[in-house]
Structure formats: C-alpha cells, structure tokens
C-alpha cells in the first residue's frame, strides 16, 4: 500500500506540473475502444464536479449541525419539520418548525465563503418565504415517493438515508439522497441518488450514481488510520461523483487527504485532493510509464 501511495503521489505531482493536456497526449496503451474526451473537457468536468460536490458537502454539514443543535433543546417529536435552502449561492439557512408548522423554533444561517454562522432559538412566526420553501419541499418529496420509491435502496444496518437539496441553476434544484452511516470508521460510497426538479417541484431527471454499496474503512485491521481510499467506476460512470466528494469529506479521518477512482470509461485514475478540493485525471499509460521508471 505504501509503495502504491508513493507511486501515485509521484504521478499526481507530475500531472500537476505537466498539466493534464501533456498527460493525455500519448495514446500508447489505451484500449482501442476507449475514446476519451479532450483533456480540457475532462478537467472542466472534474472542476465542475468538485464545485458541486463541495456544495453538497456544505449542505449535509449544515443539516448535521442544525439538527444536532435543535436536539440539544428539543426531542424529535417536539418539532414538525424543517427546511434547508440557499437564499444565495454562498449562504445557507436551516429553519425548524413547531409541531403545528406555524412557528420557527430554531434558525441557523451559514456563509460558506466567510465561514461565519449565526443561530437563534427564538420562537417567531414562520415567514412567507419559509412557508413557500416548506410547501415546495412537500411537493418534491411527494413526487419522489410516487415516482421513485421502488428505485431507491439503502442499507439500514449502516444508517438512514440523508436528503439534501442543492440549487444547480436558476431553473433546477437537485435533491441528493445519500446513504448515512452510524457505524464509526466507515466512508459510504454508493447507495446514492439524485433527482432534479424545476422551480414548481416537478421531477425532470433521476440518477443512480453507483450500482452497489461500497463501505470503505478509515482504519485497517491493526487499528491504524488508512491514508487513502480506492474504488472503481464502470463505463457508465466515468468521473468522480459529487456524492463521492461529499462522503469522503464528511467521513474521512484526519490523515486522509486523497481518494482515488479507477475510471473504466477513461482508462485511468482520478485523484481527488480534499485540502484543495481539486481532482486530476491520470491516464493509465502515464502511470505505467512512471511505474517502469520507478523500478
């Protein structure tokens, strides 16, 4: 494992130094049926996914923190629901309602650019905007249940499902459905879905990101912290996914800096770096060349 990590670290450094265009210039060793997009297209796709994945991570963190703070003063039966949304691209708001849905009993605001947050337990009437967000959420969840309840699977022995709404653009909201874990030392890859909605809550698209559930351990059999995770994507899923990024950031240990995805479709590996929230693609032929030089 240490030898492989050292090799990949060298490859990663070379890729960053040379630039992805240089890395993909050679076609030696590429399977004849592999047709990669241009290097710039691959990097643009990775940059976009990293941005969305980090936004999803913020959504889930706000959900976690707000729920924990509410449960410090209330039990689950004391409130009637909640809404979490983005008033702007960089701000998040979580509001929890009383059982009648008429008053807010907790509000949390978070700015993802500044990292500043504020909250209050003051009881006050629900605003028109909050009521609209609640009604829209209800419509979307009703549509999810009616149309996709038989398509969504999860492992209850690991944890419950988590739901996060992320604004994609002015006309699209994306509901992510993630496998939660209540076991310590596990990163859940898989059992992840998304559903796109228009501004009226009508469904536009459904996606399942992984075909199986892949629980990755953050400690080895001897109790030592692992420093990276690896998993493979089939040809219908060529890139790292926003859900991969979100769950890696949420559940990794403090020594885990990178996660690696073997891309069957692109015939190479994608390396994601948590500290910079960035990803690069390394073609297999480049890894093989550097591997030979390292022997």
C-alpha atoms as a PDB file:
ATOM      1  CA  UNK A   1       0.000   0.000   0.000  1.00  0.00           C
ATOM      2  CA  UNK A   2       2.792   2.462   0.916  1.00  0.00           C
ATOM      3  CA  UNK A   3       4.616   1.759  -2.360  1.00  0.00           C
ATOM      4  CA  UNK A   4       1.440   2.350  -4.356  1.00  0.00           C
ATOM      5  CA  UNK A   5       0.709   5.579  -2.489  1.00  0.00           C
ATOM      6  CA  UNK A   6       4.241   6.806  -3.158  1.00  0.00           C
ATOM      7  CA  UNK A   7       3.911   5.999  -6.865  1.00  0.00           C
ATOM      8  CA  UNK A   8       0.554   7.734  -7.154  1.00  0.00           C
ATOM      9  CA  UNK A   9       1.877  10.741  -5.265  1.00  0.00           C
ATOM     10  CA  UNK A  10       4.672  10.997  -7.850  1.00  0.00           C
ATOM     11  CA  UNK A  11       2.183  10.628 -10.688  1.00  0.00           C
ATOM     12  CA  UNK A  12      -0.057  13.272  -9.146  1.00  0.00           C
ATOM     13  CA  UNK A  13       2.854  15.701  -8.836  1.00  0.00           C
ATOM     14  CA  UNK A  14       3.922  15.048 -12.421  1.00  0.00           C
ATOM     15  CA  UNK A  15       0.367  15.532 -13.664  1.00  0.00           C
ATOM     16  CA  UNK A  16       0.008  18.845 -11.873  1.00  0.00           C
ATOM     17  CA  UNK A  17       3.406  20.025 -13.108  1.00  0.00           C
ATOM     18  CA  UNK A  18       2.927  18.924 -16.730  1.00  0.00           C
ATOM     19  CA  UNK A  19      -0.730  19.806 -16.945  1.00  0.00           C
ATOM     20  CA  UNK A  20      -3.452  17.409 -17.930  1.00  0.00           C
ATOM     21  CA  UNK A  21      -3.012  18.114 -21.645  1.00  0.00           C
ATOM     22  CA  UNK A  22       0.537  16.766 -21.555  1.00  0.00           C
ATOM     23  CA  UNK A  23      -0.546  13.737 -19.564  1.00  0.00           C
ATOM     24  CA  UNK A  24      -3.082  12.718 -22.171  1.00  0.00           C
ATOM     25  CA  UNK A  25      -1.003  13.408 -25.258  1.00  0.00           C
ATOM     26  CA  UNK A  26       0.222   9.829 -25.582  1.00  0.00           C
ATOM     27  CA  UNK A  27      -2.205   7.156 -26.741  1.00  0.00           C
ATOM     28  CA  UNK A  28       0.087   4.192 -26.204  1.00  0.00           C
ATOM     29  CA  UNK A  29      -1.501   1.558 -24.047  1.00  0.00           C
ATOM     30  CA  UNK A  30      -5.033   2.960 -24.425  1.00  0.00           C
ATOM     31  CA  UNK A  31      -7.609   0.300 -25.198  1.00  0.00           C
ATOM     32  CA  UNK A  32      -8.754   0.570 -28.797  1.00  0.00           C
ATOM     33  CA  UNK A  33     -12.375   1.042 -27.768  1.00  0.00           C
ATOM     34  CA  UNK A  34     -11.587   3.863 -25.316  1.00  0.00           C
ATOM     35  CA  UNK A  35     -12.459   7.274 -26.699  1.00  0.00           C
ATOM     36  CA  UNK A  36     -11.521   9.923 -24.195  1.00  0.00           C
ATOM     37  CA  UNK A  37     -12.807  13.477 -24.328  1.00  0.00           C
ATOM     38  CA  UNK A  38     -10.181  16.138 -24.902  1.00  0.00           C
ATOM     39  CA  UNK A  39      -8.005  16.833 -21.825  1.00  0.00           C
ATOM     40  CA  UNK A  40      -9.541  20.270 -21.333  1.00  0.00           C
ATOM     41  CA  UNK A  41     -13.027  18.759 -21.362  1.00  0.00           C
ATOM     42  CA  UNK A  42     -12.043  16.181 -18.758  1.00  0.00           C
ATOM     43  CA  UNK A  43     -10.571  18.821 -16.475  1.00  0.00           C
ATOM     44  CA  UNK A  44     -13.569  21.132 -16.922  1.00  0.00           C
ATOM     45  CA  UNK A  45     -15.882  18.253 -15.965  1.00  0.00           C
ATOM     46  CA  UNK A  46     -13.772  17.466 -12.891  1.00  0.00           C
ATOM     47  CA  UNK A  47     -13.705  21.121 -11.805  1.00  0.00           C
ATOM     48  CA  UNK A  48     -17.486  21.346 -12.089  1.00  0.00           C
ATOM     49  CA  UNK A  49     -17.997  18.118 -10.131  1.00  0.00           C
ATOM     50  CA  UNK A  50     -15.619  19.288  -7.384  1.00  0.00           C
ATOM     51  CA  UNK A  51     -17.590  22.513  -7.034  1.00  0.00           C
ATOM     52  CA  UNK A  52     -20.917  20.696  -6.847  1.00  0.00           C
ATOM     53  CA  UNK A  53     -19.531  18.035  -4.518  1.00  0.00           C
ATOM     54  CA  UNK A  54     -18.249  20.639  -2.093  1.00  0.00           C
ATOM     55  CA  UNK A  55     -21.605  22.440  -2.196  1.00  0.00           C
ATOM     56  CA  UNK A  56     -23.306  19.149  -1.380  1.00  0.00           C
ATOM     57  CA  UNK A  57     -20.857  18.650   1.494  1.00  0.00           C
ATOM     58  CA  UNK A  58     -21.797  22.084   2.878  1.00  0.00           C
ATOM     59  CA  UNK A  59     -25.498  21.212   2.584  1.00  0.00           C
ATOM     60  CA  UNK A  60     -25.017  17.985   4.523  1.00  0.00           C
ATOM     61  CA  UNK A  61     -22.833  19.668   7.160  1.00  0.00           C
ATOM     62  CA  UNK A  62     -25.445  22.394   7.689  1.00  0.00           C
ATOM     63  CA  UNK A  63     -28.057  19.655   8.003  1.00  0.00           C
ATOM     64  CA  UNK A  64     -25.964  17.773  10.582  1.00  0.00           C
ATOM     65  CA  UNK A  65     -25.045  20.814  12.651  1.00  0.00           C
ATOM     66  CA  UNK A  66     -28.543  22.319  12.653  1.00  0.00           C
ATOM     67  CA  UNK A  67     -30.160  19.011  13.620  1.00  0.00           C
ATOM     68  CA  UNK A  68     -27.666  18.426  16.447  1.00  0.00           C
ATOM     69  CA  UNK A  69     -28.248  21.945  17.772  1.00  0.00           C
ATOM     70  CA  UNK A  70     -32.030  21.542  17.702  1.00  0.00           C
ATOM     71  CA  UNK A  71     -31.843  18.198  19.507  1.00  0.00           C
ATOM     72  CA  UNK A  72     -29.890  19.862  22.304  1.00  0.00           C
ATOM     73  CA  UNK A  73     -33.141  21.642  23.272  1.00  0.00           C
ATOM     74  CA  UNK A  74     -35.907  19.528  21.725  1.00  0.00           C
ATOM     75  CA  UNK A  75     -36.738  15.917  21.031  1.00  0.00           C
ATOM     76  CA  UNK A  76     -37.671  14.791  17.516  1.00  0.00           C
ATOM     77  CA  UNK A  77     -41.346  14.771  18.476  1.00  0.00           C
ATOM     78  CA  UNK A  78     -41.265  18.416  19.516  1.00  0.00           C
ATOM     79  CA  UNK A  79     -40.964  19.900  16.021  1.00  0.00           C
ATOM     80  CA  UNK A  80     -42.942  19.320  12.871  1.00  0.00           C
ATOM     81  CA  UNK A  81     -40.295  19.513  10.168  1.00  0.00           C
ATOM     82  CA  UNK A  82     -37.591  21.685   8.707  1.00  0.00           C
ATOM     83  CA  UNK A  83     -36.380  23.338   5.518  1.00  0.00           C
ATOM     84  CA  UNK A  84     -32.778  23.950   4.460  1.00  0.00           C
ATOM     85  CA  UNK A  85     -32.148  26.046   1.385  1.00  0.00           C
ATOM     86  CA  UNK A  86     -29.796  28.533  -0.280  1.00  0.00           C
ATOM     87  CA  UNK A  87     -31.032  32.122  -0.184  1.00  0.00           C
ATOM     88  CA  UNK A  88     -27.901  32.959  -2.245  1.00  0.00           C
ATOM     89  CA  UNK A  89     -25.067  30.948  -3.826  1.00  0.00           C
ATOM     90  CA  UNK A  90     -22.890  31.299  -0.717  1.00  0.00           C
ATOM     91  CA  UNK A  91     -25.465  31.317   2.090  1.00  0.00           C
ATOM     92  CA  UNK A  92     -27.478  28.527   3.669  1.00  0.00           C
ATOM     93  CA  UNK A  93     -30.438  28.716   6.016  1.00  0.00           C
ATOM     94  CA  UNK A  94     -31.977  25.985   8.163  1.00  0.00           C
ATOM     95  CA  UNK A  95     -35.309  26.556   9.866  1.00  0.00           C
ATOM     96  CA  UNK A  96     -37.086  24.086  12.153  1.00  0.00           C
ATOM     97  CA  UNK A  97     -40.837  24.421  12.753  1.00  0.00           C
ATOM     98  CA  UNK A  98     -43.019  23.621  15.742  1.00  0.00           C
ATOM     99  CA  UNK A  99     -45.464  20.702  15.529  1.00  0.00           C
ATOM    100  CA  UNK A 100     -48.205  22.898  14.059  1.00  0.00           C
ATOM    101  CA  UNK A 101     -45.861  24.340  11.445  1.00  0.00           C
ATOM    102  CA  UNK A 102     -46.799  27.896  12.424  1.00  0.00           C
ATOM    103  CA  UNK A 103     -43.647  28.993  14.235  1.00  0.00           C
ATOM    104  CA  UNK A 104     -39.912  28.721  13.835  1.00  0.00           C
ATOM    105  CA  UNK A 105     -38.238  27.271  16.938  1.00  0.00           C
ATOM    106  CA  UNK A 106     -34.692  27.331  15.563  1.00  0.00           C
ATOM    107  CA  UNK A 107     -32.866  29.117  12.751  1.00  0.00           C
ATOM    108  CA  UNK A 108     -29.281  28.697  11.546  1.00  0.00           C
ATOM    109  CA  UNK A 109     -27.579  30.850   8.899  1.00  0.00           C
ATOM    110  CA  UNK A 110     -24.221  29.915   7.387  1.00  0.00           C
ATOM    111  CA  UNK A 111     -21.999  31.727   4.877  1.00  0.00           C
ATOM    112  CA  UNK A 112     -19.790  29.262   3.000  1.00  0.00           C
ATOM    113  CA  UNK A 113     -17.397  31.976   1.802  1.00  0.00           C
ATOM    114  CA  UNK A 114     -16.662  33.612   5.138  1.00  0.00           C
ATOM    115  CA  UNK A 115     -17.306  30.542   7.289  1.00  0.00           C
ATOM    116  CA  UNK A 116     -19.424  32.687   9.616  1.00  0.00           C
ATOM    117  CA  UNK A 117     -22.641  31.380  11.133  1.00  0.00           C
ATOM    118  CA  UNK A 118     -25.398  32.660  13.390  1.00  0.00           C
ATOM    119  CA  UNK A 119     -28.368  30.986  15.059  1.00  0.00           C
ATOM    120  CA  UNK A 120     -31.301  31.610  17.324  1.00  0.00           C
ATOM    121  CA  UNK A 121     -33.768  29.544  19.349  1.00  0.00           C
ATOM    122  CA  UNK A 122     -36.218  32.420  19.483  1.00  0.00           C
ATOM    123  CA  UNK A 123     -39.763  31.352  18.683  1.00  0.00           C
ATOM    124  CA  UNK A 124     -41.321  33.520  15.975  1.00  0.00           C
ATOM    125  CA  UNK A 125     -43.973  33.187  13.266  1.00  0.00           C
ATOM    126  CA  UNK A 126     -42.967  31.399  10.063  1.00  0.00           C
ATOM    127  CA  UNK A 127     -42.267  33.855   7.217  1.00  0.00           C
ATOM    128  CA  UNK A 128     -43.874  33.678   3.781  1.00  0.00           C
ATOM    129  CA  UNK A 129     -40.561  32.587   2.258  1.00  0.00           C
ATOM    130  CA  UNK A 130     -40.184  29.762   4.776  1.00  0.00           C
ATOM    131  CA  UNK A 131     -43.762  28.661   4.163  1.00  0.00           C
ATOM    132  CA  UNK A 132     -43.107  28.621   0.403  1.00  0.00           C
ATOM    133  CA  UNK A 133     -39.941  26.580   0.881  1.00  0.00           C
ATOM    134  CA  UNK A 134     -41.825  24.097   3.059  1.00  0.00           C
ATOM    135  CA  UNK A 135     -44.636  23.731   0.518  1.00  0.00           C
ATOM    136  CA  UNK A 136     -42.138  23.253  -2.321  1.00  0.00           C
ATOM    137  CA  UNK A 137     -40.246  20.635  -0.317  1.00  0.00           C
ATOM    138  CA  UNK A 138     -43.514  18.785   0.368  1.00  0.00           C
ATOM    139  CA  UNK A 139     -44.386  18.722  -3.343  1.00  0.00           C
ATOM    140  CA  UNK A 140     -40.933  17.422  -4.262  1.00  0.00           C
ATOM    141  CA  UNK A 141     -40.956  14.664  -1.637  1.00  0.00           C
ATOM    142  CA  UNK A 142     -44.461  13.594  -2.658  1.00  0.00           C
ATOM    143  CA  UNK A 143     -43.239  13.291  -6.253  1.00  0.00           C
ATOM    144  CA  UNK A 144     -40.175  11.334  -5.170  1.00  0.00           C
ATOM    145  CA  UNK A 145     -42.307   8.886  -3.229  1.00  0.00           C
ATOM    146  CA  UNK A 146     -44.802   8.402  -6.050  1.00  0.00           C
ATOM    147  CA  UNK A 147     -42.259   8.025  -8.853  1.00  0.00           C
ATOM    148  CA  UNK A 148     -39.058   6.605  -7.408  1.00  0.00           C
ATOM    149  CA  UNK A 149     -39.757   4.858  -4.104  1.00  0.00           C
ATOM    150  CA  UNK A 150     -39.102   1.439  -5.681  1.00  0.00           C
ATOM    151  CA  UNK A 151     -35.788   2.580  -7.204  1.00  0.00           C
ATOM    152  CA  UNK A 152     -34.142   3.878  -4.031  1.00  0.00           C
ATOM    153  CA  UNK A 153     -32.235   1.322  -1.955  1.00  0.00           C
ATOM    154  CA  UNK A 154     -30.143   1.673   1.181  1.00  0.00           C
ATOM    155  CA  UNK A 155     -28.559  -0.377   3.955  1.00  0.00           C
ATOM    156  CA  UNK A 156     -30.500   0.168   7.158  1.00  0.00           C
ATOM    157  CA  UNK A 157     -27.867  -1.794   9.081  1.00  0.00           C
ATOM    158  CA  UNK A 158     -25.409   1.036   8.339  1.00  0.00           C
ATOM    159  CA  UNK A 159     -27.728   4.000   8.834  1.00  0.00           C
ATOM    160  CA  UNK A 160     -30.611   6.033   7.497  1.00  0.00           C
ATOM    161  CA  UNK A 161     -30.923   7.959   4.266  1.00  0.00           C
ATOM    162  CA  UNK A 162     -29.882  11.608   4.197  1.00  0.00           C
ATOM    163  CA  UNK A 163     -31.628  14.159   1.965  1.00  0.00           C
ATOM    164  CA  UNK A 164     -30.016  17.369   0.711  1.00  0.00           C
ATOM    165  CA  UNK A 165     -31.334  19.975  -1.718  1.00  0.00           C
ATOM    166  CA  UNK A 166     -28.767  21.875  -3.778  1.00  0.00           C
ATOM    167  CA  UNK A 167     -29.505  24.715  -6.191  1.00  0.00           C
ATOM    168  CA  UNK A 168     -27.911  23.885  -9.577  1.00  0.00           C
ATOM    169  CA  UNK A 169     -29.027  26.913 -11.586  1.00  0.00           C
ATOM    170  CA  UNK A 170     -31.902  29.379 -11.779  1.00  0.00           C
ATOM    171  CA  UNK A 171     -34.271  26.680 -13.057  1.00  0.00           C
ATOM    172  CA  UNK A 172     -33.012  23.480 -11.428  1.00  0.00           C
ATOM    173  CA  UNK A 173     -32.864  22.116  -7.903  1.00  0.00           C
ATOM    174  CA  UNK A 174     -31.220  18.767  -7.204  1.00  0.00           C
ATOM    175  CA  UNK A 175     -32.248  16.510  -4.346  1.00  0.00           C
ATOM    176  CA  UNK A 176     -29.401  14.240  -3.295  1.00  0.00           C
ATOM    177  CA  UNK A 177     -30.232  11.053  -1.445  1.00  0.00           C
ATOM    178  CA  UNK A 178     -27.241   9.616   0.423  1.00  0.00           C
ATOM    179  CA  UNK A 179     -26.576   6.514   2.455  1.00  0.00           C
ATOM    180  CA  UNK A 180     -25.925   7.663   6.004  1.00  0.00           C
ATOM    181  CA  UNK A 181     -23.719   5.680   8.371  1.00  0.00           C
ATOM    182  CA  UNK A 182     -23.948   5.391  12.121  1.00  0.00           C
ATOM    183  CA  UNK A 183     -21.022   2.990  12.417  1.00  0.00           C
ATOM    184  CA  UNK A 184     -17.680   4.600  13.273  1.00  0.00           C
ATOM    185  CA  UNK A 185     -14.790   4.419  10.813  1.00  0.00           C
ATOM    186  CA  UNK A 186     -16.782   3.904   7.614  1.00  0.00           C
ATOM    187  CA  UNK A 187     -16.980   6.014   4.451  1.00  0.00           C
ATOM    188  CA  UNK A 188     -20.120   5.110   2.460  1.00  0.00           C
ATOM    189  CA  UNK A 189     -19.640   5.081  -1.292  1.00  0.00           C
ATOM    190  CA  UNK A 190     -22.760   4.009  -3.194  1.00  0.00           C
ATOM    191  CA  UNK A 191     -26.479   3.889  -2.425  1.00  0.00           C
ATOM    192  CA  UNK A 192     -26.533   7.453  -3.740  1.00  0.00           C
ATOM    193  CA  UNK A 193     -29.110   9.068  -5.973  1.00  0.00           C
ATOM    194  CA  UNK A 194     -30.186  12.451  -7.248  1.00  0.00           C
ATOM    195  CA  UNK A 195     -33.450  13.816  -8.604  1.00  0.00           C
ATOM    196  CA  UNK A 196     -33.700  17.095 -10.495  1.00  0.00           C
ATOM    197  CA  UNK A 197     -36.717  19.380 -10.078  1.00  0.00           C
ATOM    198  CA  UNK A 198     -37.938  22.536 -11.705  1.00  0.00           C
ATOM    199  CA  UNK A 199     -38.989  25.516  -9.609  1.00  0.00           C
ATOM    200  CA  UNK A 200     -42.504  24.118  -9.214  1.00  0.00           C
ATOM    201  CA  UNK A 201     -41.229  20.831  -7.774  1.00  0.00           C
ATOM    202  CA  UNK A 202     -41.842  18.703 -10.880  1.00  0.00           C
ATOM    203  CA  UNK A 203     -39.285  15.954 -11.478  1.00  0.00           C
ATOM    204  CA  UNK A 204     -37.012  16.275 -14.520  1.00  0.00           C
ATOM    205  CA  UNK A 205     -34.328  13.593 -14.103  1.00  0.00           C
ATOM    206  CA  UNK A 206     -33.348  10.675 -11.867  1.00  0.00           C
ATOM    207  CA  UNK A 207     -29.857   9.259 -11.461  1.00  0.00           C
ATOM    208  CA  UNK A 208     -28.272   6.439  -9.531  1.00  0.00           C
ATOM    209  CA  UNK A 209     -24.528   7.043  -9.202  1.00  0.00           C
ATOM    210  CA  UNK A 210     -23.222   3.632  -8.109  1.00  0.00           C
ATOM    211  CA  UNK A 211     -24.652   0.194  -8.774  1.00  0.00           C
ATOM    212  CA  UNK A 212     -23.527  -1.189  -5.411  1.00  0.00           C
ATOM    213  CA  UNK A 213     -22.732  -0.120  -1.874  1.00  0.00           C
ATOM    214  CA  UNK A 214     -19.018   0.204  -1.080  1.00  0.00           C
ATOM    215  CA  UNK A 215     -18.257   0.799   2.617  1.00  0.00           C
ATOM    216  CA  UNK A 216     -14.616   1.849   2.977  1.00  0.00           C
ATOM    217  CA  UNK A 217     -12.873   1.618   6.342  1.00  0.00           C
ATOM    218  CA  UNK A 218     -10.863   4.515   7.755  1.00  0.00           C
ATOM    219  CA  UNK A 219      -8.747   2.165   9.905  1.00  0.00           C
ATOM    220  CA  UNK A 220      -7.033  -1.071   8.916  1.00  0.00           C
ATOM    221  CA  UNK A 221      -7.226  -4.464  10.632  1.00  0.00           C
ATOM    222  CA  UNK A 222      -4.481  -3.434  13.058  1.00  0.00           C
ATOM    223  CA  UNK A 223      -6.302  -0.259  14.068  1.00  0.00           C
ATOM    224  CA  UNK A 224      -4.059   2.106  12.112  1.00  0.00           C
ATOM    225  CA  UNK A 225      -5.575   5.024  10.235  1.00  0.00           C
ATOM    226  CA  UNK A 226      -5.694   4.483   6.476  1.00  0.00           C
ATOM    227  CA  UNK A 227      -4.430   7.338   4.338  1.00  0.00           C
ATOM    228  CA  UNK A 228      -6.468   6.915   1.157  1.00  0.00           C
ATOM    229  CA  UNK A 229      -9.443   5.116  -0.365  1.00  0.00           C
ATOM    230  CA  UNK A 230      -9.884   3.456  -3.743  1.00  0.00           C
ATOM    231  CA  UNK A 231     -12.896   2.283  -5.699  1.00  0.00           C
ATOM    232  CA  UNK A 232     -13.799   1.688  -9.340  1.00  0.00           C
ATOM    233  CA  UNK A 233     -16.422   3.168 -11.621  1.00  0.00           C
ATOM    234  CA  UNK A 234     -17.948   1.278 -14.528  1.00  0.00           C
ATOM    235  CA  UNK A 235     -18.182   2.703 -18.023  1.00  0.00           C
ATOM    236  CA  UNK A 236     -21.497   4.420 -17.421  1.00  0.00           C
ATOM    237  CA  UNK A 237     -19.911   6.492 -14.623  1.00  0.00           C
ATOM    238  CA  UNK A 238     -16.584   7.843 -15.949  1.00  0.00           C
ATOM    239  CA  UNK A 239     -15.856  10.584 -13.419  1.00  0.00           C
ATOM    240  CA  UNK A 240     -15.708  11.048  -9.680  1.00  0.00           C
ATOM    241  CA  UNK A 241     -19.186  11.992  -8.472  1.00  0.00           C
ATOM    242  CA  UNK A 242     -20.372  14.833  -6.229  1.00  0.00           C
ATOM    243  CA  UNK A 243     -21.507  12.154  -3.787  1.00  0.00           C
ATOM    244  CA  UNK A 244     -18.000  10.620  -3.699  1.00  0.00           C
ATOM    245  CA  UNK A 245     -16.571  14.008  -2.771  1.00  0.00           C
ATOM    246  CA  UNK A 246     -19.242  14.794  -0.195  1.00  0.00           C
ATOM    247  CA  UNK A 247     -18.976  11.482   1.632  1.00  0.00           C
ATOM    248  CA  UNK A 248     -15.176  11.456   1.544  1.00  0.00           C
ATOM    249  CA  UNK A 249     -15.078  14.924   3.112  1.00  0.00           C
ATOM    250  CA  UNK A 250     -17.714  14.001   5.692  1.00  0.00           C
ATOM    251  CA  UNK A 251     -16.366  10.689   6.948  1.00  0.00           C
ATOM    252  CA  UNK A 252     -12.591  10.600   6.272  1.00  0.00           C
ATOM    253  CA  UNK A 253     -10.105  10.516   9.111  1.00  0.00           C
ATOM    254  CA  UNK A 254      -7.712  13.420   9.727  1.00  0.00           C
ATOM    255  CA  UNK A 255      -4.874  11.690   7.858  1.00  0.00           C
ATOM    256  CA  UNK A 256      -6.855  11.015   4.687  1.00  0.00           C
ATOM    257  CA  UNK A 257      -6.052  13.627   2.072  1.00  0.00           C
ATOM    258  CA  UNK A 258      -6.883  11.846  -1.177  1.00  0.00           C
ATOM    259  CA  UNK A 259      -9.311   9.384  -2.685  1.00  0.00           C
ATOM    260  CA  UNK A 260      -8.755   7.522  -5.949  1.00  0.00           C
ATOM    261  CA  UNK A 261     -11.274   6.374  -8.533  1.00  0.00           C
ATOM    262  CA  UNK A 262     -10.368   3.879 -11.231  1.00  0.00           C
ATOM    263  CA  UNK A 263     -12.249   5.022 -14.337  1.00  0.00           C
ATOM    264  CA  UNK A 264     -13.029   2.150 -16.684  1.00  0.00           C
ATOM    265  CA  UNK A 265     -14.528   4.530 -19.237  1.00  0.00           C
ATOM    266  CA  UNK A 266     -11.462   6.777 -19.373  1.00  0.00           C
ATOM    267  CA  UNK A 267      -8.890   4.011 -18.789  1.00  0.00           C
ATOM    268  CA  UNK A 268      -7.071   5.757 -15.972  1.00  0.00           C
ATOM    269  CA  UNK A 269      -7.392   7.076 -12.434  1.00  0.00           C
ATOM    270  CA  UNK A 270      -8.943  10.187 -10.983  1.00  0.00           C
ATOM    271  CA  UNK A 271      -7.231  11.574  -7.904  1.00  0.00           C
ATOM    272  CA  UNK A 272      -9.203  13.889  -5.624  1.00  0.00           C
ATOM    273  CA  UNK A 273      -7.400  16.069  -3.081  1.00  0.00           C
ATOM    274  CA  UNK A 274      -9.525  17.100  -0.096  1.00  0.00           C
ATOM    275  CA  UNK A 275      -7.357  20.012   1.014  1.00  0.00           C
ATOM    276  CA  UNK A 276      -7.562  21.812  -2.338  1.00  0.00           C
ATOM    277  CA  UNK A 277     -10.962  20.408  -3.379  1.00  0.00           C
ATOM    278  CA  UNK A 278      -9.489  19.547  -6.768  1.00  0.00           C
ATOM    279  CA  UNK A 279      -9.197  16.479  -8.973  1.00  0.00           C
ATOM    280  CA  UNK A 280      -6.931  15.394 -11.813  1.00  0.00           C
ATOM    281  CA  UNK A 281      -7.153  12.551 -14.298  1.00  0.00           C
ATOM    282  CA  UNK A 282      -4.105  10.346 -14.851  1.00  0.00           C
ATOM    283  CA  UNK A 283      -4.216   8.139 -17.986  1.00  0.00           C
ATOM    284  CA  UNK A 284      -3.187   4.542 -17.452  1.00  0.00           C
ATOM    285  CA  UNK A 285      -0.320   4.808 -19.954  1.00  0.00           C
ATOM    286  CA  UNK A 286       1.211   7.665 -17.976  1.00  0.00           C
ATOM    287  CA  UNK A 287       1.015   5.695 -14.727  1.00  0.00           C
ATOM    288  CA  UNK A 288       2.618   2.698 -16.433  1.00  0.00           C
ATOM    289  CA  UNK A 289       5.498   4.801 -17.802  1.00  0.00           C
ATOM    290  CA  UNK A 290       6.245   6.332 -14.429  1.00  0.00           C
ATOM    291  CA  UNK A 291       5.878   2.936 -12.783  1.00  0.00           C
ATOM    292  CA  UNK A 292       8.536   1.493 -15.109  1.00  0.00           C
ATOM    293  CA  UNK A 293      10.904   4.389 -14.417  1.00  0.00           C
ATOM    294  CA  UNK A 294      10.428   3.894 -10.683  1.00  0.00           C
ATOM    295  CA  UNK A 295      11.585   0.281 -10.769  1.00  0.00           C
END
